[in-house]
């Protein structure tokens, strides 16, 4: 059976030949009449359909055979999410705030003043905090995690195709992202190490390779395979089968997307920055990660740092943590910033430079450009045909006669790719 799509993006111009070749026996004398009747019916149906655009597939889509991939990446584990009372979250946040406040001899009120003094940052005994983030810091923006109840790997393990209705490139930083940015600005956080690909730390105002190490890449960044130089784009980098983007570095090397898969080497420069930060940390704050992927999972333990973990699920390092919260990242960070007396900025409505264009916007631009190019092509073709007629030249016939294997003849339009059983 032939299903007619309501989407204008899927042309039914080729349906005549499809019907003729697959659905009818050419040995019968009534074939032509039956075929033409069906063609007329299909064309009438096509003309009655409204134009629409399909952006995403419906959810959930059950796909048997994906379970092995989900189980492989989950290592056979199914982690339950704990629920933490608000008062417990507030108490734990106040405990961390006490560790973050400058050492004795420095006015603790500087934490609420909007900027830490150089003396507070360099004074003997001042804490040096490094923050480590995973997928859990972005779930409140609509981006899914991996091991949660509706995580990507959890869905695959249950034979369900993950929900892709969220345009990751259009997401705005969460409260947690903006709170981290504030801690960096006031000098309470020395640096951030992230395993997220969504680029939301960059959108919040952090600078990759300055105060941000992105161990698993950035969807707006492409990296040279020769010199490892990075180029940050306004648009999300499309991932191709061979990973090359089609653009070239100044050194002549090819750019490829910066995403990291299992088994791949981490970017040396980002890993070096993360290790440098970890070696000097006295406090480490883990947000939204289950700490199960190496080597990033071991960095928070470096330098015998006082460890704080905020994650809804258990982690292998819970027993080594001084503060352990099962709250949502946004809830914990709200309590922490309240305890520190810091006001968090709103996420930027408009992002300039890298990350400013979304995948949905690019799709619309591509569609508009395609329509414009097609209109221009037809306009030039019509103008050329008019000129030929004006000078008395014969206009070339765009309908080409084609024969099927059984000898039947149909006609193909070389310009529009249409087919017909009779010459129009």
Protein backbone atom coordinates (compact mmCIF):
# COMPACT_ATOMS: atom_id res chain seq x y z
CA UNK A 1 0.00 0.00 0.00
CA UNK A 2 1.07 3.57 -0.67
CA UNK A 3 0.85 6.09 2.13
CA UNK A 4 0.48 9.72 1.10
CA UNK A 5 2.33 12.05 3.45
CA UNK A 6 0.80 15.31 4.59
CA UNK A 7 4.21 16.91 4.56
CA UNK A 8 4.98 19.09 1.57
CA UNK A 9 8.65 18.17 1.92
CA UNK A 10 7.96 14.66 0.59
CA UNK A 11 7.00 15.00 -3.04
CA UNK A 12 4.52 12.59 -4.59
CA UNK A 13 5.59 13.52 -8.13
CA UNK A 14 7.35 10.19 -8.45
CA UNK A 15 4.33 8.18 -7.30
CA UNK A 16 3.14 7.42 -10.87
CA UNK A 17 6.19 5.32 -11.70
CA UNK A 18 6.14 3.77 -8.22
CA UNK A 19 2.52 2.70 -8.66
CA UNK A 20 3.16 1.39 -12.15
CA UNK A 21 6.20 -0.64 -11.27
CA UNK A 22 5.14 -2.08 -7.91
CA UNK A 23 1.38 -2.36 -7.81
CA UNK A 24 0.17 -3.45 -11.25
CA UNK A 25 0.53 -6.39 -13.59
CA UNK A 26 1.39 -5.05 -17.02
CA UNK A 27 0.17 -8.24 -18.68
CA UNK A 28 -3.48 -7.23 -18.32
CA UNK A 29 -5.20 -5.13 -20.94
CA UNK A 30 -6.92 -2.97 -18.35
CA UNK A 31 -3.63 -1.92 -16.74
CA UNK A 32 -3.42 1.50 -18.39
CA UNK A 33 -6.96 2.51 -17.47
CA UNK A 34 -6.55 1.30 -13.89
CA UNK A 35 -3.21 3.07 -13.58
CA UNK A 36 -4.50 6.37 -14.93
CA UNK A 37 -7.49 6.20 -12.60
CA UNK A 38 -5.20 5.74 -9.60
CA UNK A 39 -2.90 8.51 -10.80
CA UNK A 40 -5.79 10.93 -11.07
CA UNK A 41 -7.00 9.97 -7.61
CA UNK A 42 -3.55 10.40 -6.08
CA UNK A 43 -2.99 13.77 -7.75
CA UNK A 44 -6.38 14.99 -6.55
CA UNK A 45 -5.50 13.84 -3.04
CA UNK A 46 -2.13 15.58 -3.22
CA UNK A 47 -3.71 18.88 -4.26
CA UNK A 48 -6.17 18.71 -1.35
CA UNK A 49 -3.45 18.30 1.29
CA UNK A 50 -2.30 21.28 3.30
CA UNK A 51 1.36 22.18 3.37
CA UNK A 52 3.07 21.38 6.67
CA UNK A 53 6.54 20.79 8.04
CA UNK A 54 7.53 17.83 10.20
CA UNK A 55 10.15 18.79 12.78
CA UNK A 56 10.39 15.74 15.05
CA UNK A 57 9.09 12.22 15.20
CA UNK A 58 6.34 11.29 17.68
CA UNK A 59 7.28 9.89 21.07
CA UNK A 60 7.65 7.34 22.36
CA UNK A 61 8.85 5.16 19.50
CA UNK A 62 9.46 1.56 20.52
CA UNK A 63 12.31 -0.03 18.61
CA UNK A 64 13.21 -3.58 19.53
CA UNK A 65 16.91 -4.34 19.25
CA UNK A 66 18.28 -1.20 20.92
CA UNK A 67 18.29 -2.74 24.39
CA UNK A 68 21.82 -4.09 24.07
CA UNK A 69 23.22 -0.59 23.49
CA UNK A 70 21.43 0.88 26.50
CA UNK A 71 22.48 -1.99 28.75
CA UNK A 72 26.05 -1.72 27.51
CA UNK A 73 26.33 1.99 28.33
CA UNK A 74 24.51 1.59 31.65
CA UNK A 75 26.82 -1.31 32.51
CA UNK A 76 23.71 -3.28 33.47
CA UNK A 77 22.83 -0.82 36.27
CA UNK A 78 19.45 0.76 36.91
CA UNK A 79 19.81 3.65 39.34
CA UNK A 80 16.85 4.96 41.32
CA UNK A 81 16.50 8.67 42.03
CA UNK A 82 16.20 9.68 45.68
CA UNK A 83 13.93 12.42 47.03
CA UNK A 84 15.39 14.91 49.53
CA UNK A 85 13.43 17.17 51.86
CA UNK A 86 13.83 20.93 51.32
CA UNK A 87 15.07 21.53 54.85
CA UNK A 88 17.79 18.92 54.38
CA UNK A 89 18.89 20.59 51.13
CA UNK A 90 19.04 23.99 52.84
CA UNK A 91 21.08 22.62 55.74
CA UNK A 92 23.61 20.98 53.42
CA UNK A 93 23.85 24.15 51.29
CA UNK A 94 24.55 26.22 54.42
CA UNK A 95 27.25 23.74 55.38
CA UNK A 96 28.98 24.22 52.01
CA UNK A 97 28.55 27.99 52.25
CA UNK A 98 30.45 27.88 55.54
CA UNK A 99 33.34 26.15 53.82
CA UNK A 100 33.32 28.66 50.95
CA UNK A 101 33.43 31.82 53.04
CA UNK A 102 36.88 33.48 53.23
CA UNK A 103 39.21 32.54 56.04
CA UNK A 104 39.20 34.37 59.37
CA UNK A 105 40.55 37.89 59.22
CA UNK A 106 38.61 38.66 56.02
CA UNK A 107 35.18 40.24 56.15
CA UNK A 108 32.64 37.52 55.31
CA UNK A 109 30.32 40.21 54.03
CA UNK A 110 32.32 40.34 50.79
CA UNK A 111 30.38 37.30 49.64
CA UNK A 112 27.29 39.42 49.28
CA UNK A 113 28.96 42.45 47.79
CA UNK A 114 29.03 41.18 44.21
CA UNK A 115 32.83 40.84 43.91
CA UNK A 116 35.53 39.23 45.99
CA UNK A 117 38.63 41.26 46.83
CA UNK A 118 42.06 40.19 45.63
CA UNK A 119 43.13 39.84 49.23
CA UNK A 120 40.33 37.41 49.95
CA UNK A 121 41.20 35.34 46.91
CA UNK A 122 44.89 35.15 47.75
CA UNK A 123 44.79 35.03 51.54
CA UNK A 124 46.31 32.08 53.27
CA UNK A 125 43.76 29.35 53.96
CA UNK A 126 41.19 30.63 51.47
CA UNK A 127 39.29 27.76 49.85
CA UNK A 128 39.94 26.97 46.22
CA UNK A 129 36.76 25.53 44.70
CA UNK A 130 36.53 23.65 41.39
CA UNK A 131 33.09 22.68 40.10
CA UNK A 132 32.42 19.53 38.04
CA UNK A 133 29.18 19.32 36.05
CA UNK A 134 27.30 16.60 34.20
CA UNK A 135 24.00 16.22 32.39
CA UNK A 136 21.98 16.87 35.56
CA UNK A 137 22.69 20.62 35.44
CA UNK A 138 20.85 20.90 32.11
CA UNK A 139 17.74 18.76 32.64
CA UNK A 140 15.71 21.77 33.81
CA UNK A 141 16.28 23.35 30.37
CA UNK A 142 14.57 20.42 28.63
CA UNK A 143 17.73 18.52 27.72
CA UNK A 144 17.62 14.90 28.82
CA UNK A 145 20.26 13.11 30.85
CA UNK A 146 21.63 9.60 30.33
CA UNK A 147 20.97 7.46 33.41
CA UNK A 148 17.79 9.07 34.74
CA UNK A 149 14.34 7.43 34.58
CA UNK A 150 13.84 8.95 31.10
CA UNK A 151 17.51 9.20 30.21
CA UNK A 152 18.89 8.39 26.78
CA UNK A 153 20.57 5.14 27.81
CA UNK A 154 17.68 4.14 30.09
CA UNK A 155 15.22 4.55 27.21
CA UNK A 156 17.41 2.50 24.88
CA UNK A 157 17.70 -0.24 27.49
CA UNK A 158 13.90 -0.40 27.50
CA UNK A 159 13.72 -0.49 23.71
CA UNK A 160 12.49 3.10 23.36
CA UNK A 161 13.99 5.67 21.01
CA UNK A 162 14.98 8.69 23.17
CA UNK A 163 12.89 11.85 22.99
CA UNK A 164 14.48 14.35 20.61
CA UNK A 165 11.77 17.02 20.70
CA UNK A 166 14.12 19.46 22.42
CA UNK A 167 16.32 21.61 20.21
CA UNK A 168 19.50 21.49 22.30
CA UNK A 169 20.99 24.41 20.40
CA UNK A 170 18.06 26.64 21.41
CA UNK A 171 18.31 25.90 25.16
CA UNK A 172 19.11 28.73 27.57
CA UNK A 173 21.38 28.29 30.61
CA UNK A 174 19.69 26.98 33.74
CA UNK A 175 19.75 28.60 37.18
CA UNK A 176 22.66 26.32 38.05
CA UNK A 177 24.68 27.52 35.04
CA UNK A 178 24.13 31.15 35.99
CA UNK A 179 24.90 30.47 39.67
CA UNK A 180 28.22 28.88 38.69
CA UNK A 181 28.99 31.91 36.56
CA UNK A 182 28.34 34.17 39.58
CA UNK A 183 30.66 32.09 41.78
CA UNK A 184 33.40 32.45 39.17
CA UNK A 185 32.79 36.20 38.86
CA UNK A 186 33.06 36.85 42.60
CA UNK A 187 36.19 34.72 42.94
CA UNK A 188 34.66 31.84 44.94
CA UNK A 189 35.19 29.33 42.12
CA UNK A 190 38.61 28.82 40.49
CA UNK A 191 37.35 26.92 37.47
CA UNK A 192 34.75 24.58 35.98
CA UNK A 193 35.17 21.16 34.36
CA UNK A 194 32.21 19.86 32.36
CA UNK A 195 31.37 16.70 30.45
CA UNK A 196 28.39 18.32 28.72
CA UNK A 197 28.18 18.92 24.99
CA UNK A 198 25.31 21.45 25.08
CA UNK A 199 27.45 24.61 25.28
CA UNK A 200 25.31 26.12 28.05
CA UNK A 201 28.31 27.01 30.22
CA UNK A 202 29.67 29.01 27.31
CA UNK A 203 26.28 30.68 26.82
CA UNK A 204 26.23 31.62 30.51
CA UNK A 205 29.43 33.60 30.02
CA UNK A 206 32.25 31.20 30.89
CA UNK A 207 35.20 31.03 28.51
CA UNK A 208 36.46 27.64 27.24
CA UNK A 209 40.13 27.03 28.01
CA UNK A 210 40.19 29.97 30.45
CA UNK A 211 37.84 29.11 33.30
CA UNK A 212 36.06 26.19 31.57
CA UNK A 213 37.43 22.78 30.54
CA UNK A 214 35.03 20.81 28.28
CA UNK A 215 36.24 17.23 28.35
CA UNK A 216 33.57 15.79 26.04
CA UNK A 217 33.36 18.64 23.54
CA UNK A 218 30.98 21.46 22.65
CA UNK A 219 28.26 21.30 20.01
CA UNK A 220 29.26 24.75 18.74
CA UNK A 221 32.96 23.92 18.48
CA UNK A 222 34.96 22.19 15.75
CA UNK A 223 38.53 21.03 16.26
CA UNK A 224 41.42 20.72 13.80
CA UNK A 225 42.74 17.17 13.45
CA UNK A 226 46.28 18.45 12.74
CA UNK A 227 47.01 21.22 15.26
CA UNK A 228 44.02 20.80 17.64
CA UNK A 229 43.01 24.45 17.18
CA UNK A 230 39.36 25.10 18.03
CA UNK A 231 36.87 27.27 16.19
CA UNK A 232 33.63 28.26 17.92
CA UNK A 233 30.71 28.86 15.58
CA UNK A 234 27.41 30.67 15.89
CA UNK A 235 25.70 27.52 14.59
CA UNK A 236 25.70 23.96 15.94
CA UNK A 237 28.28 21.78 14.21
CA UNK A 238 26.66 19.08 12.10
CA UNK A 239 27.96 15.60 12.80
CA UNK A 240 28.76 13.74 9.59
CA UNK A 241 29.42 10.00 9.16
CA UNK A 242 33.19 10.65 8.91
CA UNK A 243 33.03 13.45 11.51
CA UNK A 244 34.65 16.04 9.17
CA UNK A 245 32.76 19.33 8.81
CA UNK A 246 34.04 20.34 5.36
CA UNK A 247 35.91 23.38 6.71
CA UNK A 248 39.67 23.80 7.07
CA UNK A 249 42.00 25.27 9.68
CA UNK A 250 44.60 27.93 8.88
CA UNK A 251 47.24 25.20 9.19
CA UNK A 252 45.57 23.28 6.37
CA UNK A 253 44.12 20.56 8.58
CA UNK A 254 40.51 19.43 8.45
CA UNK A 255 38.02 20.48 11.08
CA UNK A 256 35.87 17.83 12.73
CA UNK A 257 33.17 18.11 15.37
CA UNK A 258 34.49 18.16 18.93
CA UNK A 259 32.16 15.52 20.40
CA UNK A 260 33.81 12.62 22.25
CA UNK A 261 32.47 9.05 22.12
CA UNK A 262 33.38 6.04 24.24
CA UNK A 263 36.89 4.87 23.44
CA UNK A 264 38.07 8.17 21.98
CA UNK A 265 40.92 10.23 23.37
CA UNK A 266 39.96 13.33 25.35
CA UNK A 267 41.14 16.71 24.02
CA UNK A 268 44.60 17.15 25.56
CA UNK A 269 44.37 20.89 26.14
CA UNK A 270 41.06 20.67 27.98
CA UNK A 271 42.19 17.63 29.96
CA UNK A 272 45.39 19.46 30.87
CA UNK A 273 43.43 22.46 32.14
CA UNK A 274 41.10 20.21 34.15
CA UNK A 275 44.04 18.37 35.74
CA UNK A 276 45.80 21.66 36.53
CA UNK A 277 42.69 22.97 38.30
CA UNK A 278 42.22 19.68 40.15
CA UNK A 279 45.79 19.64 41.50
CA UNK A 280 45.29 22.96 43.29
CA UNK A 281 41.69 22.51 44.51
CA UNK A 282 40.83 22.35 48.20
CA UNK A 283 37.07 22.02 47.61
CA UNK A 284 35.32 20.18 44.80
CA UNK A 285 31.61 20.46 44.01
CA UNK A 286 30.08 17.77 41.80
CA UNK A 287 26.76 18.71 40.19
CA UNK A 288 24.50 16.41 38.19
CA UNK A 289 26.85 13.56 37.36
CA UNK A 290 26.94 9.96 38.57
CA UNK A 291 30.77 9.89 38.40
CA UNK A 292 30.95 6.68 36.39
CA UNK A 293 32.95 7.74 33.32
CA UNK A 294 36.73 7.96 33.56
CA UNK A 295 38.93 9.92 33.76
CA UNK A 296 36.58 12.80 34.60
CA UNK A 297 35.03 10.90 37.53
CA UNK A 298 38.35 10.84 39.43
CA UNK A 299 39.24 14.53 39.09
CA UNK A 300 37.05 15.73 42.01
CA UNK A 301 39.08 13.50 44.36
CA UNK A 302 42.44 15.02 43.43
CA UNK A 303 44.55 16.85 46.01
CA UNK A 304 42.50 15.29 48.84
CA UNK A 305 39.89 17.99 48.28
CA UNK A 306 36.83 18.26 50.48
CA UNK A 307 34.17 16.67 48.28
CA UNK A 308 30.55 17.77 47.87
CA UNK A 309 28.26 15.73 45.61
CA UNK A 310 24.85 16.87 44.41
CA UNK A 311 23.13 14.20 42.34
CA UNK A 312 19.76 12.46 42.52
CA UNK A 313 21.34 9.03 42.08
CA UNK A 314 24.06 7.28 44.02
CA UNK A 315 27.68 7.60 42.88
CA UNK A 316 30.71 5.36 43.53
CA UNK A 317 32.34 8.18 45.56
CA UNK A 318 29.48 8.90 47.97
CA UNK A 319 31.41 7.40 50.88
CA UNK A 320 34.28 9.84 50.31
CA UNK A 321 32.09 12.95 50.26
CA UNK A 322 31.89 15.37 53.15
CA UNK A 323 28.56 16.81 51.95
CA UNK A 324 26.11 14.62 50.02
CA UNK A 325 22.83 15.98 48.66
CA UNK A 326 20.22 14.16 46.55
CA UNK A 327 18.43 17.38 45.58
CA UNK A 328 17.97 18.73 42.07
CA UNK A 329 20.91 20.92 41.06
CA UNK A 330 18.79 24.07 40.74
CA UNK A 331 17.30 23.56 44.21
CA UNK A 332 20.67 23.06 45.84
CA UNK A 333 22.30 26.01 44.08
CA UNK A 334 19.38 28.28 45.01
CA UNK A 335 19.87 27.36 48.67
CA UNK A 336 23.64 27.84 48.37
CA UNK A 337 23.44 31.26 46.72
CA UNK A 338 20.87 32.35 49.31
CA UNK A 339 23.20 31.26 52.10
CA UNK A 340 26.08 33.18 50.47
CA UNK A 341 23.94 36.27 49.93
CA UNK A 342 24.61 36.28 46.18
CA UNK A 343 22.10 37.34 43.54
CA UNK A 344 22.14 35.28 40.35
CA UNK A 345 21.74 36.98 36.98
CA UNK A 346 19.04 36.00 34.51
CA UNK A 347 20.25 33.91 31.56
CA UNK A 348 20.83 36.05 28.47
CA UNK A 349 17.83 36.34 26.16
CA UNK A 350 20.06 36.91 23.15
CA UNK A 351 23.40 35.18 22.74
CA UNK A 352 25.89 36.86 20.43
CA UNK A 353 28.71 35.06 18.70
CA UNK A 354 29.19 31.31 19.32
CA UNK A 355 25.92 29.53 20.03
CA UNK A 356 23.70 32.33 18.71
CA UNK A 357 22.02 30.27 15.96
CA UNK A 358 19.79 27.26 16.60
CA UNK A 359 19.29 24.12 14.54
CA UNK A 360 15.62 24.99 14.01
CA UNK A 361 16.54 28.44 12.70
CA UNK A 362 19.10 26.89 10.35
CA UNK A 363 16.49 24.46 9.01
CA UNK A 364 14.17 27.35 8.25
CA UNK A 365 16.96 29.29 6.57
CA UNK A 366 17.88 26.27 4.48
CA UNK A 367 14.28 25.81 3.38
CA UNK A 368 13.92 29.48 2.47
CA UNK A 369 17.21 29.44 0.55
CA UNK A 370 16.20 26.28 -1.33
CA UNK A 371 12.87 27.84 -2.34
CA UNK A 372 14.64 31.02 -3.44
CA UNK A 373 17.20 29.12 -5.51
CA UNK A 374 14.46 27.03 -7.11
CA UNK A 375 12.44 30.13 -7.98
CA UNK A 376 15.50 31.79 -9.51
CA UNK A 377 16.29 28.66 -11.53
CA UNK A 378 12.76 28.53 -12.95
CA UNK A 379 12.84 32.27 -13.67
CA UNK A 380 16.10 31.96 -15.62
CA UNK A 381 14.81 28.90 -17.49
CA UNK A 382 11.63 30.73 -18.50
CA UNK A 383 13.63 33.77 -19.59
CA UNK A 384 15.97 31.61 -21.68
CA UNK A 385 13.05 29.81 -23.32
CA UNK A 386 11.41 33.16 -24.14
CA UNK A 387 14.63 34.41 -25.72
CA UNK A 388 14.92 31.30 -27.85
CA UNK A 389 11.38 31.68 -29.11
CA UNK A 390 12.05 35.34 -29.84
CA UNK A 391 15.01 34.51 -32.08
CA UNK A 392 13.21 31.61 -33.71
CA UNK A 393 15.11 28.78 -32.02
CA UNK A 394 13.34 25.56 -31.09
CA UNK A 395 12.79 25.14 -27.37
CA UNK A 396 14.31 21.89 -26.12
CA UNK A 397 11.80 19.28 -24.99
CA UNK A 398 12.33 18.54 -21.30
CA UNK A 399 10.22 15.35 -21.47
CA UNK A 400 12.41 12.34 -22.23
CA UNK A 401 11.03 9.00 -23.35
CA UNK A 402 12.07 6.11 -21.10
CA UNK A 403 11.34 2.40 -21.51
CA UNK A 404 10.81 -0.07 -18.67
CA UNK A 405 12.28 -3.58 -18.62
CA UNK A 406 9.06 -5.06 -20.01
CA UNK A 407 8.91 -2.56 -22.86
CA UNK A 408 6.42 -0.13 -21.43
CA UNK A 409 7.16 3.52 -22.21
CA UNK A 410 6.79 6.48 -19.85
CA UNK A 411 8.05 10.07 -19.89
CA UNK A 412 10.45 11.78 -17.47
CA UNK A 413 10.78 15.55 -16.99
CA UNK A 414 14.50 16.33 -16.70
CA UNK A 415 13.84 19.67 -14.95
CA UNK A 416 11.13 18.86 -12.40
CA UNK A 417 11.81 15.09 -12.09
CA UNK A 418 8.12 14.36 -12.79
CA UNK A 419 6.99 11.18 -14.57
CA UNK A 420 3.93 10.45 -16.70
CA UNK A 421 2.61 7.62 -18.83
CA UNK A 422 1.65 9.97 -21.67
CA UNK A 423 3.63 12.87 -23.06
CA UNK A 424 2.13 16.05 -21.48
